[in-house]
Amino acid sequence: SHATLVEFLDKGRAGMASTFLTRLRVGGKLIDAKGVS
């Protein structure tokens, strides 16, 4: 998934701003796979 500002921009579309807000909404439930591994 997209986690950083550069990754959001690199997706190349305005809709990626929604993923930023969605991550804030899900909050502590969400863990990036790299951290889990």
Full PDB file with SEQRES, HELIX, SHEET, SSBOND, CRYST1, ORIGX, SCALE, CONECT and MASTER records, all heavy atoms in Angstrom:
SEQRES   1 A   37  SER HIS ALA THR LEU VAL GLU PHE LEU ASP LYS GLY ARG          
SEQRES   2 A   37  ALA GLY MET ALA SER THR PHE LEU THR ARG LEU ARG VAL          
SEQRES   3 A   37  GLY GLY LYS LEU ILE ASP ALA LYS GLY VAL SER                  
HELIX    1 AA1 LEU A    5  ASP A   10  1                                   6    
HELIX    2 AA2 ALA A   14  MET A   16  5                                   3    
HELIX    3 AA3 ALA A   17  VAL A   26  1                                  10    
HELIX    4 AA4 GLY A   27  LYS A   29  5                                   3    
HELIX    5 AA5 ALA A   33  VAL A   36  1                                   4    
CRYST1    1.000    1.000    1.000  90.00  90.00  90.00 P 1           1          
ORIGX1      1.000000  0.000000  0.000000        0.00000                         
ORIGX2      0.000000  1.000000  0.000000        0.00000                         
ORIGX3      0.000000  0.000000  1.000000        0.00000                         
SCALE1      1.000000  0.000000  0.000000        0.00000                         
SCALE2      0.000000  1.000000  0.000000        0.00000                         
SCALE3      0.000000  0.000000  1.000000        0.00000                         
ATOM      1  N   SER A   1       0.833  -1.208   0.000  1.00  0.00           N  
ATOM      2  CA  SER A   1       0.000   0.000   0.000  1.00  0.00           C  
ATOM      3  C   SER A   1       0.862   1.250   0.000  1.00  0.00           C  
ATOM      4  O   SER A   1       2.073   1.203   0.202  1.00  0.00           O  
ATOM      5  CB  SER A   1      -0.933   0.007   1.212  1.00  0.00           C  
ATOM      6  OG  SER A   1      -0.187   0.098   2.399  1.00  0.00           O  
ATOM      7  N   HIS A   2       0.221   2.396  -0.218  1.00  0.00           N  
ATOM      8  CA  HIS A   2       0.915   3.678  -0.277  1.00  0.00           C  
ATOM      9  C   HIS A   2       0.940   4.304   1.105  1.00  0.00           C  
ATOM     10  O   HIS A   2      -0.095   4.441   1.752  1.00  0.00           O  
ATOM     11  CB  HIS A   2       0.216   4.603  -1.272  1.00  0.00           C  
ATOM     12  CG  HIS A   2       0.146   4.033  -2.651  1.00  0.00           C  
ATOM     13  ND1 HIS A   2      -0.791   3.081  -3.007  1.00  0.00           N  
ATOM     14  CD2 HIS A   2       0.905   4.241  -3.746  1.00  0.00           C  
ATOM     15  CE1 HIS A   2      -0.607   2.746  -4.280  1.00  0.00           C  
ATOM     16  NE2 HIS A   2       0.409   3.432  -4.747  1.00  0.00           N  
ATOM     17  N   ALA A   3       2.143   4.682   1.551  1.00  0.00           N  
ATOM     18  CA  ALA A   3       2.272   5.146   2.926  1.00  0.00           C  
ATOM     19  C   ALA A   3       2.951   6.498   3.063  1.00  0.00           C  
ATOM     20  O   ALA A   3       2.772   7.177   4.063  1.00  0.00           O  
ATOM     21  CB  ALA A   3       3.048   4.114   3.745  1.00  0.00           C  
ATOM     22  N   THR A   4       3.736   6.915   2.072  1.00  0.00           N  
ATOM     23  CA  THR A   4       4.481   8.167   2.186  1.00  0.00           C  
ATOM     24  C   THR A   4       3.983   9.172   1.156  1.00  0.00           C  
ATOM     25  O   THR A   4       3.315   8.816   0.177  1.00  0.00           O  
ATOM     26  CB  THR A   4       5.983   7.931   1.967  1.00  0.00           C  
ATOM     27  OG1 THR A   4       6.205   7.569   0.592  1.00  0.00           O  
ATOM     28  CG2 THR A   4       6.501   6.823   2.868  1.00  0.00           C  
ATOM     29  N   LEU A   5       4.366  10.434   1.350  1.00  0.00           N  
ATOM     30  CA  LEU A   5       3.940  11.494   0.436  1.00  0.00           C  
ATOM     31  C   LEU A   5       4.446  11.241  -0.975  1.00  0.00           C  
ATOM     32  O   LEU A   5       3.706  11.403  -1.952  1.00  0.00           O  
ATOM     33  CB  LEU A   5       4.444  12.852   0.949  1.00  0.00           C  
ATOM     34  CG  LEU A   5       4.083  14.061   0.080  1.00  0.00           C  
ATOM     35  CD1 LEU A   5       2.568  14.215  -0.005  1.00  0.00           C  
ATOM     36  CD2 LEU A   5       4.721  15.330   0.618  1.00  0.00           C  
ATOM     37  N   VAL A   6       5.709  10.810  -1.086  1.00  0.00           N  
ATOM     38  CA  VAL A   6       6.265  10.532  -2.414  1.00  0.00           C  
ATOM     39  C   VAL A   6       5.500   9.408  -3.093  1.00  0.00           C  
ATOM     40  O   VAL A   6       5.226   9.453  -4.291  1.00  0.00           O  
ATOM     41  CB  VAL A   6       7.768  10.175  -2.304  1.00  0.00           C  
ATOM     42  CG1 VAL A   6       8.306   9.690  -3.646  1.00  0.00           C  
ATOM     43  CG2 VAL A   6       8.562  11.382  -1.831  1.00  0.00           C  
ATOM     44  N   GLU A   7       5.104   8.390  -2.340  1.00  0.00           N  
ATOM     45  CA  GLU A   7       4.336   7.281  -2.907  1.00  0.00           C  
ATOM     46  C   GLU A   7       2.959   7.750  -3.349  1.00  0.00           C  
ATOM     47  O   GLU A   7       2.444   7.319  -4.387  1.00  0.00           O  
ATOM     48  CB  GLU A   7       4.217   6.152  -1.883  1.00  0.00           C  
ATOM     49  CG  GLU A   7       5.539   5.423  -1.643  1.00  0.00           C  
ATOM     50  CD  GLU A   7       5.441   4.407  -0.522  1.00  0.00           C  
ATOM     51  OE1 GLU A   7       4.361   4.315   0.094  1.00  0.00           O  
ATOM     52  OE2 GLU A   7       6.429   3.715  -0.251  1.00  0.00           O  
ATOM     53  N   PHE A   8       2.316   8.624  -2.564  1.00  0.00           N  
ATOM     54  CA  PHE A   8       1.017   9.165  -2.960  1.00  0.00           C  
ATOM     55  C   PHE A   8       1.138   9.934  -4.273  1.00  0.00           C  
ATOM     56  O   PHE A   8       0.347   9.746  -5.196  1.00  0.00           O  
ATOM     57  CB  PHE A   8       0.467  10.099  -1.878  1.00  0.00           C  
ATOM     58  CG  PHE A   8       0.032   9.395  -0.621  1.00  0.00           C  
ATOM     59  CD1 PHE A   8       0.279   9.961   0.618  1.00  0.00           C  
ATOM     60  CD2 PHE A   8      -0.620   8.187  -0.670  1.00  0.00           C  
ATOM     61  CE1 PHE A   8      -0.123   9.333   1.791  1.00  0.00           C  
ATOM     62  CE2 PHE A   8      -1.026   7.540   0.488  1.00  0.00           C  
ATOM     63  CZ  PHE A   8      -0.784   8.116   1.715  1.00  0.00           C  
ATOM     64  N   LEU A   9       2.146  10.799  -4.376  1.00  0.00           N  
ATOM     65  CA  LEU A   9       2.341  11.585  -5.583  1.00  0.00           C  
ATOM     66  C   LEU A   9       2.750  10.703  -6.755  1.00  0.00           C  
ATOM     67  O   LEU A   9       2.356  10.938  -7.891  1.00  0.00           O  
ATOM     68  CB  LEU A   9       3.402  12.663  -5.339  1.00  0.00           C  
ATOM     69  CG  LEU A   9       3.038  13.756  -4.324  1.00  0.00           C  
ATOM     70  CD1 LEU A   9       4.212  14.706  -4.143  1.00  0.00           C  
ATOM     71  CD2 LEU A   9       1.795  14.525  -4.744  1.00  0.00           C  
ATOM     72  N   ASP A  10       3.552   9.678  -6.478  1.00  0.00           N  
ATOM     73  CA  ASP A  10       4.054   8.799  -7.527  1.00  0.00           C  
ATOM     74  C   ASP A  10       2.937   7.988  -8.174  1.00  0.00           C  
ATOM     75  O   ASP A  10       3.098   7.487  -9.283  1.00  0.00           O  
ATOM     76  CB  ASP A  10       5.128   7.871  -6.961  1.00  0.00           C  
ATOM     77  CG  ASP A  10       5.953   7.214  -8.060  1.00  0.00           C  
ATOM     78  OD1 ASP A  10       6.290   7.913  -9.032  1.00  0.00           O  
ATOM     79  OD2 ASP A  10       6.253   6.029  -7.946  1.00  0.00           O  
ATOM     80  N   LYS A  11       1.827   7.836  -7.463  1.00  0.00           N  
ATOM     81  CA  LYS A  11       0.674   7.160  -8.049  1.00  0.00           C  
ATOM     82  C   LYS A  11       0.135   7.956  -9.223  1.00  0.00           C  
ATOM     83  O   LYS A  11      -0.479   7.414 -10.134  1.00  0.00           O  
ATOM     84  CB  LYS A  11      -0.412   6.973  -6.979  1.00  0.00           C  
ATOM     85  CG  LYS A  11      -1.616   6.177  -7.446  1.00  0.00           C  
ATOM     86  CD  LYS A  11      -1.267   4.741  -7.796  1.00  0.00           C  
ATOM     87  CE  LYS A  11      -2.500   3.942  -8.178  1.00  0.00           C  
ATOM     88  NZ  LYS A  11      -2.167   2.575  -8.582  1.00  0.00           N  
ATOM     89  N   GLY A  12       0.378   9.264  -9.181  1.00  0.00           N  
ATOM     90  CA  GLY A  12       0.096  10.091 -10.349  1.00  0.00           C  
ATOM     91  C   GLY A  12      -1.341  10.484 -10.536  1.00  0.00           C  
ATOM     92  O   GLY A  12      -1.769  10.784 -11.641  1.00  0.00           O  
ATOM     93  N   ARG A  13      -2.141  10.488  -9.468  1.00  0.00           N  
ATOM     94  CA  ARG A  13      -3.507  10.959  -9.631  1.00  0.00           C  
ATOM     95  C   ARG A  13      -4.004  11.598  -8.350  1.00  0.00           C  
ATOM     96  O   ARG A  13      -3.563  11.265  -7.250  1.00  0.00           O  
ATOM     97  CB  ARG A  13      -4.448   9.828 -10.033  1.00  0.00           C  
ATOM     98  CG  ARG A  13      -4.485   8.643  -9.083  1.00  0.00           C  
ATOM     99  CD  ARG A  13      -5.445   7.597  -9.605  1.00  0.00           C  
ATOM    100  NE  ARG A  13      -5.450   6.419  -8.770  1.00  0.00           N  
ATOM    101  CZ  ARG A  13      -6.207   5.355  -9.016  1.00  0.00           C  
ATOM    102  NH1 ARG A  13      -6.997   5.332 -10.051  1.00  0.00           N  
ATOM    103  NH2 ARG A  13      -6.169   4.312  -8.217  1.00  0.00           N  
ATOM    104  N   ALA A  14      -4.946  12.530  -8.515  1.00  0.00           N  
ATOM    105  CA  ALA A  14      -5.427  13.301  -7.376  1.00  0.00           C  
ATOM    106  C   ALA A  14      -6.124  12.429  -6.348  1.00  0.00           C  
ATOM    107  O   ALA A  14      -6.138  12.737  -5.165  1.00  0.00           O  
ATOM    108  CB  ALA A  14      -6.384  14.389  -7.871  1.00  0.00           C  
ATOM    109  N   GLY A  15      -6.698  11.313  -6.800  1.00  0.00           N  
ATOM    110  CA  GLY A  15      -7.461  10.465  -5.896  1.00  0.00           C  
ATOM    111  C   GLY A  15      -6.661   9.882  -4.748  1.00  0.00           C  
ATOM    112  O   GLY A  15      -7.229   9.417  -3.763  1.00  0.00           O  
ATOM    113  N   MET A  16      -5.322   9.900  -4.864  1.00  0.00           N  
ATOM    114  CA  MET A  16      -4.512   9.316  -3.803  1.00  0.00           C  
ATOM    115  C   MET A  16      -4.616  10.107  -2.505  1.00  0.00           C  
ATOM    116  O   MET A  16      -4.244   9.609  -1.445  1.00  0.00           O  
ATOM    117  CB  MET A  16      -3.047   9.217  -4.244  1.00  0.00           C  
ATOM    118  CG  MET A  16      -2.786   8.105  -5.243  1.00  0.00           C  
ATOM    119  SD  MET A  16      -3.468   6.508  -4.762  1.00  0.00           S  
ATOM    120  CE  MET A  16      -2.626   6.221  -3.221  1.00  0.00           C  
ATOM    121  N   ALA A  17      -5.108  11.353  -2.559  1.00  0.00           N  
ATOM    122  CA  ALA A  17      -5.308  12.117  -1.326  1.00  0.00           C  
ATOM    123  C   ALA A  17      -6.295  11.403  -0.415  1.00  0.00           C  
ATOM    124  O   ALA A  17      -6.218  11.508   0.815  1.00  0.00           O  
ATOM    125  CB  ALA A  17      -5.817  13.522  -1.658  1.00  0.00           C  
ATOM    126  N   SER A  18      -7.205  10.647  -1.001  1.00  0.00           N  
ATOM    127  CA  SER A  18      -8.190   9.918  -0.207  1.00  0.00           C  
ATOM    128  C   SER A  18      -7.530   8.841   0.643  1.00  0.00           C  
ATOM    129  O   SER A  18      -7.980   8.548   1.756  1.00  0.00           O  
ATOM    130  CB  SER A  18      -9.234   9.277  -1.127  1.00  0.00           C  
ATOM    131  OG  SER A  18      -8.627   8.324  -1.986  1.00  0.00           O  
ATOM    132  N   THR A  19      -6.461   8.231   0.135  1.00  0.00           N  
ATOM    133  CA  THR A  19      -5.776   7.180   0.883  1.00  0.00           C  
ATOM    134  C   THR A  19      -5.123   7.741   2.131  1.00  0.00           C  
ATOM    135  O   THR A  19      -5.066   7.080   3.176  1.00  0.00           O  
ATOM    136  CB  THR A  19      -4.727   6.483  -0.009  1.00  0.00           C  
ATOM    137  OG1 THR A  19      -5.384   5.975  -1.174  1.00  0.00           O  
ATOM    138  CG2 THR A  19      -4.055   5.339   0.715  1.00  0.00           C  
ATOM    139  N   PHE A  20      -4.626   8.961   2.042  1.00  0.00           N  
ATOM    140  CA  PHE A  20      -4.055   9.630   3.205  1.00  0.00           C  
ATOM    141  C   PHE A  20      -5.103   9.764   4.307  1.00  0.00           C  
ATOM    142  O   PHE A  20      -4.863   9.434   5.472  1.00  0.00           O  
ATOM    143  CB  PHE A  20      -3.519  11.003   2.785  1.00  0.00           C  
ATOM    144  CG  PHE A  20      -3.086  11.877   3.920  1.00  0.00           C  
ATOM    145  CD1 PHE A  20      -1.959  11.576   4.659  1.00  0.00           C  
ATOM    146  CD2 PHE A  20      -3.817  13.011   4.254  1.00  0.00           C  
ATOM    147  CE1 PHE A  20      -1.553  12.384   5.707  1.00  0.00           C  
ATOM    148  CE2 PHE A  20      -3.423  13.824   5.294  1.00  0.00           C  
ATOM    149  CZ  PHE A  20      -2.293  13.507   6.028  1.00  0.00           C  
ATOM    150  N   LEU A  21      -6.303  10.218   3.941  1.00  0.00           N  
ATOM    151  CA  LEU A  21      -7.378  10.372   4.924  1.00  0.00           C  
ATOM    152  C   LEU A  21      -7.869   9.022   5.433  1.00  0.00           C  
ATOM    153  O   LEU A  21      -8.192   8.872   6.615  1.00  0.00           O  
ATOM    154  CB  LEU A  21      -8.555  11.140   4.304  1.00  0.00           C  
ATOM    155  CG  LEU A  21      -8.462  12.663   4.336  1.00  0.00           C  
ATOM    156  CD1 LEU A  21      -9.659  13.268   3.636  1.00  0.00           C  
ATOM    157  CD2 LEU A  21      -8.376  13.180   5.763  1.00  0.00           C  
ATOM    158  N   THR A  22      -7.933   8.049   4.548  1.00  0.00           N  
ATOM    159  CA  THR A  22      -8.390   6.720   4.956  1.00  0.00           C  
ATOM    160  C   THR A  22      -7.454   6.122   5.995  1.00  0.00           C  
ATOM    161  O   THR A  22      -7.884   5.504   6.965  1.00  0.00           O  
ATOM    162  CB  THR A  22      -8.491   5.788   3.734  1.00  0.00           C  
ATOM    163  OG1 THR A  22      -9.392   6.362   2.792  1.00  0.00           O  
ATOM    164  CG2 THR A  22      -8.991   4.413   4.140  1.00  0.00           C  
ATOM    165  N   ARG A  23      -6.160   6.312   5.810  1.00  0.00           N  
ATOM    166  CA  ARG A  23      -5.195   5.825   6.793  1.00  0.00           C  
ATOM    167  C   ARG A  23      -5.403   6.501   8.143  1.00  0.00           C  
ATOM    168  O   ARG A  23      -5.282   5.853   9.192  1.00  0.00           O  
ATOM    169  CB  ARG A  23      -3.770   6.071   6.294  1.00  0.00           C  
ATOM    170  CG  ARG A  23      -3.321   5.049   5.252  1.00  0.00           C  
ATOM    171  CD  ARG A  23      -1.911   5.328   4.772  1.00  0.00           C  
ATOM    172  NE  ARG A  23      -1.375   4.126   4.133  1.00  0.00           N  
ATOM    173  CZ  ARG A  23      -0.615   3.217   4.724  1.00  0.00           C  
ATOM    174  NH1 ARG A  23      -0.295   3.364   5.994  1.00  0.00           N  
ATOM    175  NH2 ARG A  23      -0.188   2.163   4.088  1.00  0.00           N  
ATOM    176  N   LEU A  24      -5.714   7.785   8.125  1.00  0.00           N  
ATOM    177  CA  LEU A  24      -6.000   8.478   9.379  1.00  0.00           C  
ATOM    178  C   LEU A  24      -7.258   7.917  10.024  1.00  0.00           C  
ATOM    179  O   LEU A  24      -7.338   7.764  11.251  1.00  0.00           O  
ATOM    180  CB  LEU A  24      -6.173   9.980   9.121  1.00  0.00           C  
ATOM    181  CG  LEU A  24      -4.923  10.759   8.717  1.00  0.00           C  
ATOM    182  CD1 LEU A  24      -5.271  12.224   8.481  1.00  0.00           C  
ATOM    183  CD2 LEU A  24      -3.835  10.652   9.782  1.00  0.00           C  
ATOM    184  N   ARG A  25      -8.242   7.582   9.203  1.00  0.00           N  
ATOM    185  CA  ARG A  25      -9.519   7.049   9.713  1.00  0.00           C  
ATOM    186  C   ARG A  25      -9.327   5.684  10.367  1.00  0.00           C  
ATOM    187  O   ARG A  25      -9.832   5.403  11.450  1.00  0.00           O  
ATOM    188  CB  ARG A  25     -10.509   6.946   8.554  1.00  0.00           C  
ATOM    189  CG  ARG A  25     -11.714   6.032   8.765  1.00  0.00           C  
ATOM    190  CD  ARG A  25     -12.682   6.614   9.780  1.00  0.00           C  
ATOM    191  NE  ARG A  25     -13.951   5.927   9.729  1.00  0.00           N  
ATOM    192  CZ  ARG A  25     -14.228   4.759  10.294  1.00  0.00           C  
ATOM    193  NH1 ARG A  25     -13.285   4.104  10.948  1.00  0.00           N  
ATOM    194  NH2 ARG A  25     -15.431   4.238  10.192  1.00  0.00           N  
ATOM    195  N   VAL A  26      -8.552   4.811   9.722  1.00  0.00           N  
ATOM    196  CA  VAL A  26      -8.345   3.462  10.255  1.00  0.00           C  
ATOM    197  C   VAL A  26      -7.460   3.501  11.499  1.00  0.00           C  
ATOM    198  O   VAL A  26      -7.642   2.735  12.443  1.00  0.00           O  
ATOM    199  CB  VAL A  26      -7.737   2.557   9.160  1.00  0.00           C  
ATOM    200  CG1 VAL A  26      -7.412   1.188   9.716  1.00  0.00           C  
ATOM    201  CG2 VAL A  26      -8.717   2.426   7.992  1.00  0.00           C  
ATOM    202  N   GLY A  27      -6.483   4.416  11.491  1.00  0.00           N  
ATOM    203  CA  GLY A  27      -5.681   4.666  12.687  1.00  0.00           C  
ATOM    204  C   GLY A  27      -4.783   3.514  13.087  1.00  0.00           C  
ATOM    205  O   GLY A  27      -4.120   2.888  12.267  1.00  0.00           O  
ATOM    206  N   GLY A  28      -4.781   3.205  14.388  1.00  0.00           N  
ATOM    207  CA  GLY A  28      -3.857   2.222  14.941  1.00  0.00           C  
ATOM    208  C   GLY A  28      -4.092   0.803  14.494  1.00  0.00           C  
ATOM    209  O   GLY A  28      -3.253  -0.067  14.727  1.00  0.00           O  
ATOM    210  N   LYS A  29      -5.241   0.527  13.860  1.00  0.00           N  
ATOM    211  CA  LYS A  29      -5.491  -0.821  13.349  1.00  0.00           C  
ATOM    212  C   LYS A  29      -4.567  -1.174  12.183  1.00  0.00           C  
ATOM    213  O   LYS A  29      -4.333  -2.344  11.899  1.00  0.00           O  
ATOM    214  CB  LYS A  29      -6.932  -0.950  12.851  1.00  0.00           C  
ATOM    215  CG  LYS A  29      -7.977  -1.156  13.915  1.00  0.00           C  
ATOM    216  CD  LYS A  29      -9.305  -1.423  13.240  1.00  0.00           C  
ATOM    217  CE  LYS A  29     -10.426  -1.634  14.247  1.00  0.00           C  
ATOM    218  NZ  LYS A  29     -11.702  -1.935  13.571  1.00  0.00           N  
ATOM    219  N   LEU A  30      -4.102  -0.148  11.484  1.00  0.00           N  
ATOM    220  CA  LEU A  30      -3.366  -0.368  10.245  1.00  0.00           C  
ATOM    221  C   LEU A  30      -1.871  -0.462  10.516  1.00  0.00           C  
ATOM    222  O   LEU A  30      -1.281   0.424  11.120  1.00  0.00           O  
ATOM    223  CB  LEU A  30      -3.654   0.776   9.268  1.00  0.00           C  
ATOM    224  CG  LEU A  30      -3.022   0.652   7.886  1.00  0.00           C  
ATOM    225  CD1 LEU A  30      -3.585  -0.551   7.143  1.00  0.00           C  
ATOM    226  CD2 LEU A  30      -3.256   1.933   7.090  1.00  0.00           C  
ATOM    227  N   ILE A  31      -1.270  -1.552  10.050  1.00  0.00           N  
ATOM    228  CA  ILE A  31       0.164  -1.767  10.203  1.00  0.00           C  
ATOM    229  C   ILE A  31       0.753  -2.089   8.843  1.00  0.00           C  
ATOM    230  O   ILE A  31       0.239  -2.934   8.107  1.00  0.00           O  
ATOM    231  CB  ILE A  31       0.458  -2.928  11.177  1.00  0.00           C  
ATOM    232  CG1 ILE A  31      -0.113  -2.608  12.565  1.00  0.00           C  
ATOM    233  CG2 ILE A  31       1.954  -3.187  11.278  1.00  0.00           C  
ATOM    234  CD1 ILE A  31       0.092  -3.714  13.567  1.00  0.00           C  
ATOM    235  N   ASP A  32       1.829  -1.381   8.505  1.00  0.00           N  
ATOM    236  CA  ASP A  32       2.487  -1.635   7.236  1.00  0.00           C  
ATOM    237  C   ASP A  32       3.233  -2.966   7.292  1.00  0.00           C  
ATOM    238  O   ASP A  32       3.830  -3.316   8.305  1.00  0.00           O  
ATOM    239  CB  ASP A  32       3.455  -0.502   6.926  1.00  0.00           C  
ATOM    240  CG  ASP A  32       4.086  -0.659   5.565  1.00  0.00           C  
ATOM    241  OD1 ASP A  32       3.395  -0.415   4.565  1.00  0.00           O  
ATOM    242  OD2 ASP A  32       5.259  -1.054   5.501  1.00  0.00           O  
ATOM    243  N   ALA A  33       3.198  -3.694   6.200  1.00  0.00           N  
ATOM    244  CA  ALA A  33       3.791  -5.041   6.176  1.00  0.00           C  
ATOM    245  C   ALA A  33       5.277  -5.024   6.485  1.00  0.00           C  
ATOM    246  O   ALA A  33       5.803  -5.959   7.090  1.00  0.00           O  
ATOM    247  CB  ALA A  33       3.555  -5.694   4.814  1.00  0.00           C  
ATOM    248  N   LYS A  34       5.958  -3.968   6.078  1.00  0.00           N  
ATOM    249  CA  LYS A  34       7.401  -3.940   6.329  1.00  0.00           C  
ATOM    250  C   LYS A  34       7.679  -3.889   7.820  1.00  0.00           C  
ATOM    251  O   LYS A  34       8.604  -4.509   8.319  1.00  0.00           O  
ATOM    252  CB  LYS A  34       8.017  -2.731   5.636  1.00  0.00           C  
ATOM    253  CG  LYS A  34       7.882  -2.772   4.123  1.00  0.00           C  
ATOM    254  CD  LYS A  34       8.468  -1.522   3.496  1.00  0.00           C  
ATOM    255  CE  LYS A  34       8.226  -1.514   1.988  1.00  0.00           C  
ATOM    256  NZ  LYS A  34       6.804  -1.433   1.644  1.00  0.00           N  
ATOM    257  N   GLY A  35       6.852  -3.166   8.552  1.00  0.00           N  
ATOM    258  CA  GLY A  35       7.014  -3.126  10.006  1.00  0.00           C  
ATOM    259  C   GLY A  35       6.708  -4.472  10.639  1.00  0.00           C  
ATOM    260  O   GLY A  35       7.420  -4.915  11.548  1.00  0.00           O  
ATOM    261  N   VAL A  36       5.684  -5.142  10.136  1.00  0.00           N  
ATOM    262  CA  VAL A  36       5.314  -6.452  10.685  1.00  0.00           C  
ATOM    263  C   VAL A  36       6.412  -7.469  10.414  1.00  0.00           C  
ATOM    264  O   VAL A  36       6.781  -8.253  11.286  1.00  0.00           O  
ATOM    265  CB  VAL A  36       3.983  -6.934  10.074  1.00  0.00           C  
ATOM    266  CG1 VAL A  36       3.696  -8.373  10.484  1.00  0.00           C  
ATOM    267  CG2 VAL A  36       2.851  -6.040  10.524  1.00  0.00           C  
ATOM    268  N   SER A  37       6.981  -7.447   9.225  1.00  0.00           N  
ATOM    269  CA  SER A  37       8.011  -8.443   8.883  1.00  0.00           C  
ATOM    270  C   SER A  37       9.256  -8.255   9.736  1.00  0.00           C  
ATOM    271  O   SER A  37       9.997  -9.193   9.978  1.00  0.00           O  
ATOM    272  CB  SER A  37       8.366  -8.350   7.398  1.00  0.00           C  
ATOM    273  OG  SER A  37       8.932  -7.090   7.097  1.00  0.00           O  
TER     274      SER A  37                                                      
MASTER        0    0    0    5    0    0    0    6  273    1    0    3          
END                                                                             
